[in-house]
PDB file of N, CA and C in Angstrom:
ATOM      1  N   MET A   1     -18.579 -16.805   5.267  1.00  0.00           N
ATOM      2  CA  MET A   1     -19.337 -16.324   4.121  1.00  0.00           C
ATOM      3  C   MET A   1     -20.116 -17.482   3.513  1.00  0.00           C
ATOM      4  N   SER A   2     -21.262 -17.148   2.997  1.00  0.00           N
ATOM      5  CA  SER A   2     -22.135 -18.165   2.422  1.00  0.00           C
ATOM      6  C   SER A   2     -21.582 -18.700   1.100  1.00  0.00           C
ATOM      7  N   LEU A   3     -21.942 -19.936   0.798  1.00  0.00           N
ATOM      8  CA  LEU A   3     -21.531 -20.536  -0.463  1.00  0.00           C
ATOM      9  C   LEU A   3     -22.210 -19.877  -1.653  1.00  0.00           C
ATOM     10  N   SER A   4     -23.333 -19.192  -1.417  1.00  0.00           N
ATOM     11  CA  SER A   4     -24.063 -18.598  -2.529  1.00  0.00           C
ATOM     12  C   SER A   4     -23.617 -17.167  -2.834  1.00  0.00           C
ATOM     13  N   ALA A   5     -22.542 -16.691  -2.199  1.00  0.00           N
ATOM     14  CA  ALA A   5     -22.042 -15.343  -2.476  1.00  0.00           C
ATOM     15  C   ALA A   5     -21.437 -15.307  -3.875  1.00  0.00           C
ATOM     16  N   ILE A   6     -21.895 -14.332  -4.677  1.00  0.00           N
ATOM     17  CA  ILE A   6     -21.407 -14.196  -6.045  1.00  0.00           C
ATOM     18  C   ILE A   6     -21.072 -12.723  -6.299  1.00  0.00           C
ATOM     19  N   PRO A   7     -20.215 -12.454  -7.281  1.00  0.00           N
ATOM     20  CA  PRO A   7     -19.986 -11.054  -7.658  1.00  0.00           C
ATOM     21  C   PRO A   7     -21.248 -10.470  -8.290  1.00  0.00           C
ATOM     22  N   LEU A   8     -21.505  -9.196  -8.055  1.00  0.00           N
ATOM     23  CA  LEU A   8     -22.697  -8.564  -8.633  1.00  0.00           C
ATOM     24  C   LEU A   8     -22.689  -8.657 -10.152  1.00  0.00           C
ATOM     25  N   SER A   9     -21.510  -8.677 -10.756  1.00  0.00           N
ATOM     26  CA  SER A   9     -21.414  -8.717 -12.217  1.00  0.00           C
ATOM     27  C   SER A   9     -21.967 -10.013 -12.799  1.00  0.00           C
ATOM     28  N   GLU A  10     -22.070 -11.080 -11.986  1.00  0.00           N
ATOM     29  CA  GLU A  10     -22.562 -12.376 -12.472  1.00  0.00           C
ATOM     30  C   GLU A  10     -24.049 -12.590 -12.211  1.00  0.00           C
ATOM     31  N   ALA A  11     -24.677 -11.693 -11.461  1.00  0.00           N
ATOM     32  CA  ALA A  11     -26.097 -11.851 -11.141  1.00  0.00           C
ATOM     33  C   ALA A  11     -26.949 -11.502 -12.358  1.00  0.00           C
ATOM     34  N   LYS A  12     -28.055 -12.199 -12.502  1.00  0.00           N
ATOM     35  CA  LYS A  12     -28.973 -11.953 -13.619  1.00  0.00           C
ATOM     36  C   LYS A  12     -29.910 -10.794 -13.310  1.00  0.00           C
ATOM     37  N   ILE A  13     -30.486 -10.233 -14.357  1.00  0.00           N
ATOM     38  CA  ILE A  13     -31.433  -9.135 -14.200  1.00  0.00           C
ATOM     39  C   ILE A  13     -32.601  -9.592 -13.331  1.00  0.00           C
ATOM     40  N   GLY A  14     -32.982  -8.762 -12.374  1.00  0.00           N
ATOM     41  CA  GLY A  14     -34.086  -9.069 -11.466  1.00  0.00           C
ATOM     42  C   GLY A  14     -33.648  -9.701 -10.164  1.00  0.00           C
ATOM     43  N   THR A  15     -32.386 -10.089 -10.065  1.00  0.00           N
ATOM     44  CA  THR A  15     -31.894 -10.738  -8.852  1.00  0.00           C
ATOM     45  C   THR A  15     -31.693  -9.720  -7.738  1.00  0.00           C
ATOM     46  N   GLU A  16     -32.110 -10.092  -6.535  1.00  0.00           N
ATOM     47  CA  GLU A  16     -31.830  -9.285  -5.350  1.00  0.00           C
ATOM     48  C   GLU A  16     -30.725  -9.961  -4.567  1.00  0.00           C
ATOM     49  N   LEU A  17     -29.769  -9.165  -4.114  1.00  0.00           N
ATOM     50  CA  LEU A  17     -28.645  -9.705  -3.354  1.00  0.00           C
ATOM     51  C   LEU A  17     -28.436  -8.888  -2.090  1.00  0.00           C
ATOM     52  N   ARG A  18     -28.047  -9.574  -1.015  1.00  0.00           N
ATOM     53  CA  ARG A  18     -27.643  -8.891   0.211  1.00  0.00           C
ATOM     54  C   ARG A  18     -26.125  -8.827   0.187  1.00  0.00           C
ATOM     55  N   LEU A  19     -25.592  -7.613   0.185  1.00  0.00           N
ATOM     56  CA  LEU A  19     -24.145  -7.434   0.090  1.00  0.00           C
ATOM     57  C   LEU A  19     -23.441  -7.996   1.317  1.00  0.00           C
ATOM     58  N   ASN A  20     -22.293  -8.648   1.074  1.00  0.00           N
ATOM     59  CA  ASN A  20     -21.531  -9.139   2.218  1.00  0.00           C
ATOM     60  C   ASN A  20     -20.035  -8.868   2.119  1.00  0.00           C
ATOM     61  N   ARG A  21     -19.542  -8.381   0.959  1.00  0.00           N
ATOM     62  CA  ARG A  21     -18.110  -8.079   0.856  1.00  0.00           C
ATOM     63  C   ARG A  21     -17.866  -7.108  -0.286  1.00  0.00           C
ATOM     64  N   ILE A  22     -16.979  -6.143  -0.046  1.00  0.00           N
ATOM     65  CA  ILE A  22     -16.592  -5.169  -1.067  1.00  0.00           C
ATOM     66  C   ILE A  22     -15.074  -5.148  -1.118  1.00  0.00           C
ATOM     67  N   ASP A  23     -14.509  -5.623  -2.235  1.00  0.00           N
ATOM     68  CA  ASP A  23     -13.060  -5.707  -2.379  1.00  0.00           C
ATOM     69  C   ASP A  23     -12.461  -4.532  -3.142  1.00  0.00           C
ATOM     70  N   VAL A  24     -13.210  -3.438  -3.245  1.00  0.00           N
ATOM     71  CA  VAL A  24     -12.738  -2.233  -3.924  1.00  0.00           C
ATOM     72  C   VAL A  24     -11.938  -1.407  -2.915  1.00  0.00           C
ATOM     73  N   GLN A  25     -10.883  -0.730  -3.390  1.00  0.00           N
ATOM     74  CA  GLN A  25     -10.031   0.056  -2.499  1.00  0.00           C
ATOM     75  C   GLN A  25     -10.039   1.528  -2.886  1.00  0.00           C
ATOM     76  N   GLY A  26      -9.536   2.365  -1.993  1.00  0.00           N
ATOM     77  CA  GLY A  26      -9.290   3.768  -2.286  1.00  0.00           C
ATOM     78  C   GLY A  26     -10.546   4.629  -2.375  1.00  0.00           C
ATOM     79  N   VAL A  27     -10.437   5.656  -3.222  1.00  0.00           N
ATOM     80  CA  VAL A  27     -11.506   6.643  -3.365  1.00  0.00           C
ATOM     81  C   VAL A  27     -12.798   6.005  -3.857  1.00  0.00           C
ATOM     82  N   LEU A  28     -12.686   5.043  -4.786  1.00  0.00           N
ATOM     83  CA  LEU A  28     -13.881   4.384  -5.308  1.00  0.00           C
ATOM     84  C   LEU A  28     -14.615   3.633  -4.195  1.00  0.00           C
ATOM     85  N   ARG A  29     -13.882   3.009  -3.279  1.00  0.00           N
ATOM     86  CA  ARG A  29     -14.513   2.305  -2.157  1.00  0.00           C
ATOM     87  C   ARG A  29     -15.347   3.278  -1.332  1.00  0.00           C
ATOM     88  N   ARG A  30     -14.769   4.430  -1.014  1.00  0.00           N
ATOM     89  CA  ARG A  30     -15.473   5.435  -0.207  1.00  0.00           C
ATOM     90  C   ARG A  30     -16.742   5.890  -0.931  1.00  0.00           C
ATOM     91  N   ARG A  31     -16.639   6.120  -2.242  1.00  0.00           N
ATOM     92  CA  ARG A  31     -17.793   6.571  -3.016  1.00  0.00           C
ATOM     93  C   ARG A  31     -18.888   5.502  -3.025  1.00  0.00           C
ATOM     94  N   LEU A  32     -18.504   4.231  -3.234  1.00  0.00           N
ATOM     95  CA  LEU A  32     -19.488   3.147  -3.241  1.00  0.00           C
ATOM     96  C   LEU A  32     -20.179   3.029  -1.888  1.00  0.00           C
ATOM     97  N   LEU A  33     -19.416   3.152  -0.813  1.00  0.00           N
ATOM     98  CA  LEU A  33     -20.009   3.091   0.526  1.00  0.00           C
ATOM     99  C   LEU A  33     -20.990   4.243   0.715  1.00  0.00           C
ATOM    100  N   ASP A  34     -20.617   5.441   0.268  1.00  0.00           N
ATOM    101  CA  ASP A  34     -21.502   6.600   0.381  1.00  0.00           C
ATOM    102  C   ASP A  34     -22.797   6.407  -0.410  1.00  0.00           C
ATOM    103  N   LEU A  35     -22.717   5.694  -1.543  1.00  0.00           N
ATOM    104  CA  LEU A  35     -23.890   5.462  -2.379  1.00  0.00           C
ATOM    105  C   LEU A  35     -24.802   4.367  -1.834  1.00  0.00           C
ATOM    106  N   GLY A  36     -24.332   3.607  -0.842  1.00  0.00           N
ATOM    107  CA  GLY A  36     -25.163   2.573  -0.244  1.00  0.00           C
ATOM    108  C   GLY A  36     -24.684   1.154  -0.472  1.00  0.00           C
ATOM    109  N   PHE A  37     -23.541   0.981  -1.136  1.00  0.00           N
ATOM    110  CA  PHE A  37     -22.983  -0.359  -1.325  1.00  0.00           C
ATOM    111  C   PHE A  37     -22.246  -0.753  -0.050  1.00  0.00           C
ATOM    112  N   VAL A  38     -23.042  -1.053   0.982  1.00  0.00           N
ATOM    113  CA  VAL A  38     -22.543  -1.365   2.318  1.00  0.00           C
ATOM    114  C   VAL A  38     -22.966  -2.791   2.651  1.00  0.00           C
ATOM    115  N   PRO A  39     -22.058  -3.583   3.245  1.00  0.00           N
ATOM    116  CA  PRO A  39     -22.460  -4.941   3.637  1.00  0.00           C
ATOM    117  C   PRO A  39     -23.752  -4.917   4.451  1.00  0.00           C
ATOM    118  N   GLY A  40     -24.693  -5.791   4.063  1.00  0.00           N
ATOM    119  CA  GLY A  40     -25.997  -5.866   4.709  1.00  0.00           C
ATOM    120  C   GLY A  40     -27.106  -5.221   3.885  1.00  0.00           C
ATOM    121  N   ASN A  41     -26.764  -4.263   3.031  1.00  0.00           N
ATOM    122  CA  ASN A  41     -27.768  -3.623   2.179  1.00  0.00           C
ATOM    123  C   ASN A  41     -28.201  -4.568   1.056  1.00  0.00           C
ATOM    124  N   VAL A  42     -29.420  -4.350   0.577  1.00  0.00           N
ATOM    125  CA  VAL A  42     -29.954  -5.158  -0.518  1.00  0.00           C
ATOM    126  C   VAL A  42     -29.798  -4.380  -1.824  1.00  0.00           C
ATOM    127  N   VAL A  43     -29.286  -5.077  -2.847  1.00  0.00           N
ATOM    128  CA  VAL A  43     -29.075  -4.502  -4.172  1.00  0.00           C
ATOM    129  C   VAL A  43     -29.877  -5.323  -5.170  1.00  0.00           C
ATOM    130  N   THR A  44     -30.541  -4.661  -6.114  1.00  0.00           N
ATOM    131  CA  THR A  44     -31.282  -5.331  -7.180  1.00  0.00           C
ATOM    132  C   THR A  44     -30.601  -5.039  -8.509  1.00  0.00           C
ATOM    133  N   VAL A  45     -30.429  -6.082  -9.326  1.00  0.00           N
ATOM    134  CA  VAL A  45     -29.878  -5.898 -10.669  1.00  0.00           C
ATOM    135  C   VAL A  45     -31.028  -5.450 -11.570  1.00  0.00           C
ATOM    136  N   LEU A  46     -30.937  -4.233 -12.111  1.00  0.00           N
ATOM    137  CA  LEU A  46     -32.026  -3.683 -12.918  1.00  0.00           C
ATOM    138  C   LEU A  46     -31.871  -4.012 -14.392  1.00  0.00           C
ATOM    139  N   GLN A  47     -30.718  -3.739 -14.962  1.00  0.00           N
ATOM    140  CA  GLN A  47     -30.518  -4.044 -16.369  1.00  0.00           C
ATOM    141  C   GLN A  47     -29.036  -4.034 -16.711  1.00  0.00           C
ATOM    142  N   LYS A  48     -28.728  -4.693 -17.826  1.00  0.00           N
ATOM    143  CA  LYS A  48     -27.363  -4.743 -18.330  1.00  0.00           C
ATOM    144  C   LYS A  48     -27.374  -4.186 -19.743  1.00  0.00           C
ATOM    145  N   SER A  49     -26.307  -3.510 -20.108  1.00  0.00           N
ATOM    146  CA  SER A  49     -26.214  -3.018 -21.484  1.00  0.00           C
ATOM    147  C   SER A  49     -26.041  -4.224 -22.407  1.00  0.00           C
ATOM    148  N   PRO A  50     -26.235  -4.045 -23.711  1.00  0.00           N
ATOM    149  CA  PRO A  50     -26.152  -5.183 -24.640  1.00  0.00           C
ATOM    150  C   PRO A  50     -24.847  -5.981 -24.547  1.00  0.00           C
ATOM    151  N   LEU A  51     -23.753  -5.316 -24.255  1.00  0.00           N
ATOM    152  CA  LEU A  51     -22.476  -6.029 -24.127  1.00  0.00           C
ATOM    153  C   LEU A  51     -22.163  -6.394 -22.678  1.00  0.00           C
ATOM    154  N   GLY A  52     -23.095  -6.119 -21.765  1.00  0.00           N
ATOM    155  CA  GLY A  52     -22.917  -6.503 -20.372  1.00  0.00           C
ATOM    156  C   GLY A  52     -22.117  -5.523 -19.541  1.00  0.00           C
ATOM    157  N   ASP A  53     -21.792  -4.359 -20.081  1.00  0.00           N
ATOM    158  CA  ASP A  53     -20.993  -3.399 -19.334  1.00  0.00           C
ATOM    159  C   ASP A  53     -21.392  -2.004 -19.776  1.00  0.00           C
ATOM    160  N   PRO A  54     -21.937  -1.126 -18.966  1.00  0.00           N
ATOM    161  CA  PRO A  54     -22.119  -1.251 -17.522  1.00  0.00           C
ATOM    162  C   PRO A  54     -23.407  -1.986 -17.138  1.00  0.00           C
ATOM    163  N   ILE A  55     -23.590  -2.138 -15.839  1.00  0.00           N
ATOM    164  CA  ILE A  55     -24.761  -2.806 -15.274  1.00  0.00           C
ATOM    165  C   ILE A  55     -25.444  -1.815 -14.329  1.00  0.00           C
ATOM    166  N   ALA A  56     -26.775  -1.713 -14.407  1.00  0.00           N
ATOM    167  CA  ALA A  56     -27.530  -0.809 -13.534  1.00  0.00           C
ATOM    168  C   ALA A  56     -28.052  -1.580 -12.326  1.00  0.00           C
ATOM    169  N   PHE A  57     -27.844  -0.991 -11.151  1.00  0.00           N
ATOM    170  CA  PHE A  57     -28.278  -1.585  -9.889  1.00  0.00           C
ATOM    171  C   PHE A  57     -29.167  -0.595  -9.151  1.00  0.00           C
ATOM    172  N   ARG A  58     -30.077  -1.118  -8.326  1.00  0.00           N
ATOM    173  CA  ARG A  58     -30.852  -0.266  -7.424  1.00  0.00           C
ATOM    174  C   ARG A  58     -30.397  -0.555  -6.001  1.00  0.00           C
ATOM    175  N   VAL A  59     -29.985   0.496  -5.316  1.00  0.00           N
ATOM    176  CA  VAL A  59     -29.604   0.403  -3.909  1.00  0.00           C
ATOM    177  C   VAL A  59     -30.113   1.667  -3.219  1.00  0.00           C
ATOM    178  N   ASN A  60     -30.755   1.511  -2.077  1.00  0.00           N
ATOM    179  CA  ASN A  60     -31.332   2.645  -1.334  1.00  0.00           C
ATOM    180  C   ASN A  60     -32.246   3.499  -2.218  1.00  0.00           C
ATOM    181  N   ASN A  61     -33.078   2.856  -3.039  1.00  0.00           N
ATOM    182  CA  ASN A  61     -34.032   3.554  -3.916  1.00  0.00           C
ATOM    183  C   ASN A  61     -33.365   4.455  -4.950  1.00  0.00           C
ATOM    184  N   THR A  62     -32.103   4.182  -5.264  1.00  0.00           N
ATOM    185  CA  THR A  62     -31.357   4.950  -6.253  1.00  0.00           C
ATOM    186  C   THR A  62     -30.811   3.994  -7.302  1.00  0.00           C
ATOM    187  N   THR A  63     -30.849   4.401  -8.569  1.00  0.00           N
ATOM    188  CA  THR A  63     -30.289   3.587  -9.643  1.00  0.00           C
ATOM    189  C   THR A  63     -28.855   4.042  -9.900  1.00  0.00           C
ATOM    190  N   ILE A  64     -27.938   3.075  -9.887  1.00  0.00           N
ATOM    191  CA  ILE A  64     -26.520   3.354 -10.066  1.00  0.00           C
ATOM    192  C   ILE A  64     -25.952   2.376 -11.089  1.00  0.00           C
ATOM    193  N   ALA A  65     -25.219   2.891 -12.060  1.00  0.00           N
ATOM    194  CA  ALA A  65     -24.570   2.047 -13.065  1.00  0.00           C
ATOM    195  C   ALA A  65     -23.101   1.880 -12.697  1.00  0.00           C
ATOM    196  N   LEU A  66     -22.652   0.635 -12.722  1.00  0.00           N
ATOM    197  CA  LEU A  66     -21.251   0.334 -12.431  1.00  0.00           C
ATOM    198  C   LEU A  66     -20.641  -0.428 -13.591  1.00  0.00           C
ATOM    199  N   ARG A  67     -19.364  -0.199 -13.834  1.00  0.00           N
ATOM    200  CA  ARG A  67     -18.645  -0.988 -14.824  1.00  0.00           C
ATOM    201  C   ARG A  67     -18.458  -2.397 -14.286  1.00  0.00           C
ATOM    202  N   LYS A  68     -18.268  -3.325 -15.210  1.00  0.00           N
ATOM    203  CA  LYS A  68     -18.105  -4.732 -14.836  1.00  0.00           C
ATOM    204  C   LYS A  68     -16.895  -4.921 -13.921  1.00  0.00           C
ATOM    205  N   GLU A  69     -15.810  -4.188 -14.187  1.00  0.00           N
ATOM    206  CA  GLU A  69     -14.608  -4.345 -13.365  1.00  0.00           C
ATOM    207  C   GLU A  69     -14.864  -3.933 -11.919  1.00  0.00           C
ATOM    208  N   GLU A  70     -15.789  -2.987 -11.700  1.00  0.00           N
ATOM    209  CA  GLU A  70     -16.138  -2.576 -10.339  1.00  0.00           C
ATOM    210  C   GLU A  70     -17.111  -3.568  -9.709  1.00  0.00           C
ATOM    211  N   SER A  71     -18.164  -3.929 -10.451  1.00  0.00           N
ATOM    212  CA  SER A  71     -19.190  -4.807  -9.878  1.00  0.00           C
ATOM    213  C   SER A  71     -18.679  -6.232  -9.650  1.00  0.00           C
ATOM    214  N   SER A  72     -17.585  -6.603 -10.311  1.00  0.00           N
ATOM    215  CA  SER A  72     -17.027  -7.941 -10.082  1.00  0.00           C
ATOM    216  C   SER A  72     -16.274  -8.023  -8.756  1.00  0.00           C
ATOM    217  N   LEU A  73     -16.057  -6.880  -8.098  1.00  0.00           N
ATOM    218  CA  LEU A  73     -15.352  -6.848  -6.815  1.00  0.00           C
ATOM    219  C   LEU A  73     -16.301  -6.654  -5.632  1.00  0.00           C
ATOM    220  N   ILE A  74     -17.606  -6.661  -5.914  1.00  0.00           N
ATOM    221  CA  ILE A  74     -18.627  -6.517  -4.875  1.00  0.00           C
ATOM    222  C   ILE A  74     -19.410  -7.823  -4.830  1.00  0.00           C
ATOM    223  N   TYR A  75     -19.491  -8.429  -3.655  1.00  0.00           N
ATOM    224  CA  TYR A  75     -20.097  -9.754  -3.526  1.00  0.00           C
ATOM    225  C   TYR A  75     -21.359  -9.699  -2.682  1.00  0.00           C
ATOM    226  N   GLY A  76     -22.334 -10.505  -3.094  1.00  0.00           N
ATOM    227  CA  GLY A  76     -23.586 -10.588  -2.361  1.00  0.00           C
ATOM    228  C   GLY A  76     -24.162 -11.982  -2.416  1.00  0.00           C
ATOM    229  N   GLU A  77     -25.123 -12.202  -1.552  1.00  0.00           N
ATOM    230  CA  GLU A  77     -25.813 -13.484  -1.452  1.00  0.00           C
ATOM    231  C   GLU A  77     -27.212 -13.298  -2.021  1.00  0.00           C
ATOM    232  N   THR A  78     -27.619 -14.142  -2.951  1.00  0.00           N
ATOM    233  CA  THR A  78     -28.942 -13.988  -3.552  1.00  0.00           C
ATOM    234  C   THR A  78     -30.035 -14.230  -2.521  1.00  0.00           C
ATOM    235  N   ILE A  79     -31.014 -13.331  -2.524  1.00  0.00           N
ATOM    236  CA  ILE A  79     -32.123 -13.465  -1.570  1.00  0.00           C
ATOM    237  C   ILE A  79     -33.475 -13.425  -2.255  1.00  0.00           C
ATOM    238  N   GLY A  80     -33.491 -13.082  -3.561  1.00  0.00           N
ATOM    239  CA  GLY A  80     -34.767 -13.024  -4.254  1.00  0.00           C
ATOM    240  C   GLY A  80     -34.577 -12.775  -5.732  1.00  0.00           C
ATOM    241  N   GLY A  81     -35.665 -12.865  -6.474  1.00  0.00           N
ATOM    242  CA  GLY A  81     -35.614 -12.658  -7.905  1.00  0.00           C
ATOM    243  C   GLY A  81     -35.033 -13.885  -8.585  1.00  0.00           C
ATOM    244  N   GLU A  82     -34.481 -13.695  -9.787  1.00  0.00           N
ATOM    245  CA  GLU A  82     -33.881 -14.807 -10.520  1.00  0.00           C
ATOM    246  C   GLU A  82     -32.583 -15.205  -9.867  1.00  0.00           C
ATOM    247  N   HIS A  83     -32.297 -16.484  -9.910  1.00  0.00           N
ATOM    248  CA  HIS A  83     -31.039 -16.955  -9.366  1.00  0.00           C
ATOM    249  C   HIS A  83     -30.105 -17.279 -10.518  1.00  0.00           C
ATOM    250  N   PRO A  84     -28.822 -16.874 -10.373  1.00  0.00           N
ATOM    251  CA  PRO A  84     -27.862 -17.094 -11.454  1.00  0.00           C
ATOM    252  C   PRO A  84     -27.575 -18.558 -11.697  1.00  0.00           C
TER     253      PRO A  84
END
């Protein structure tokens, strides 16, 4: 894994990341995979609520909001946009 892999929850608005690891288990893991949170896919951080939870992401041309506890278990490598 690359040294630049970070949890999605730590990425700044506008950052694009290529997913490389998902540490979520159970039903939520299956749902995230179905939504496009699959290793190799590109995710863009769209916006964060004022308190930082939830965070809106774009994956497969769809906007999805995740809680911080979920997005902190999904890791990606920055490939564009702002770098954290």
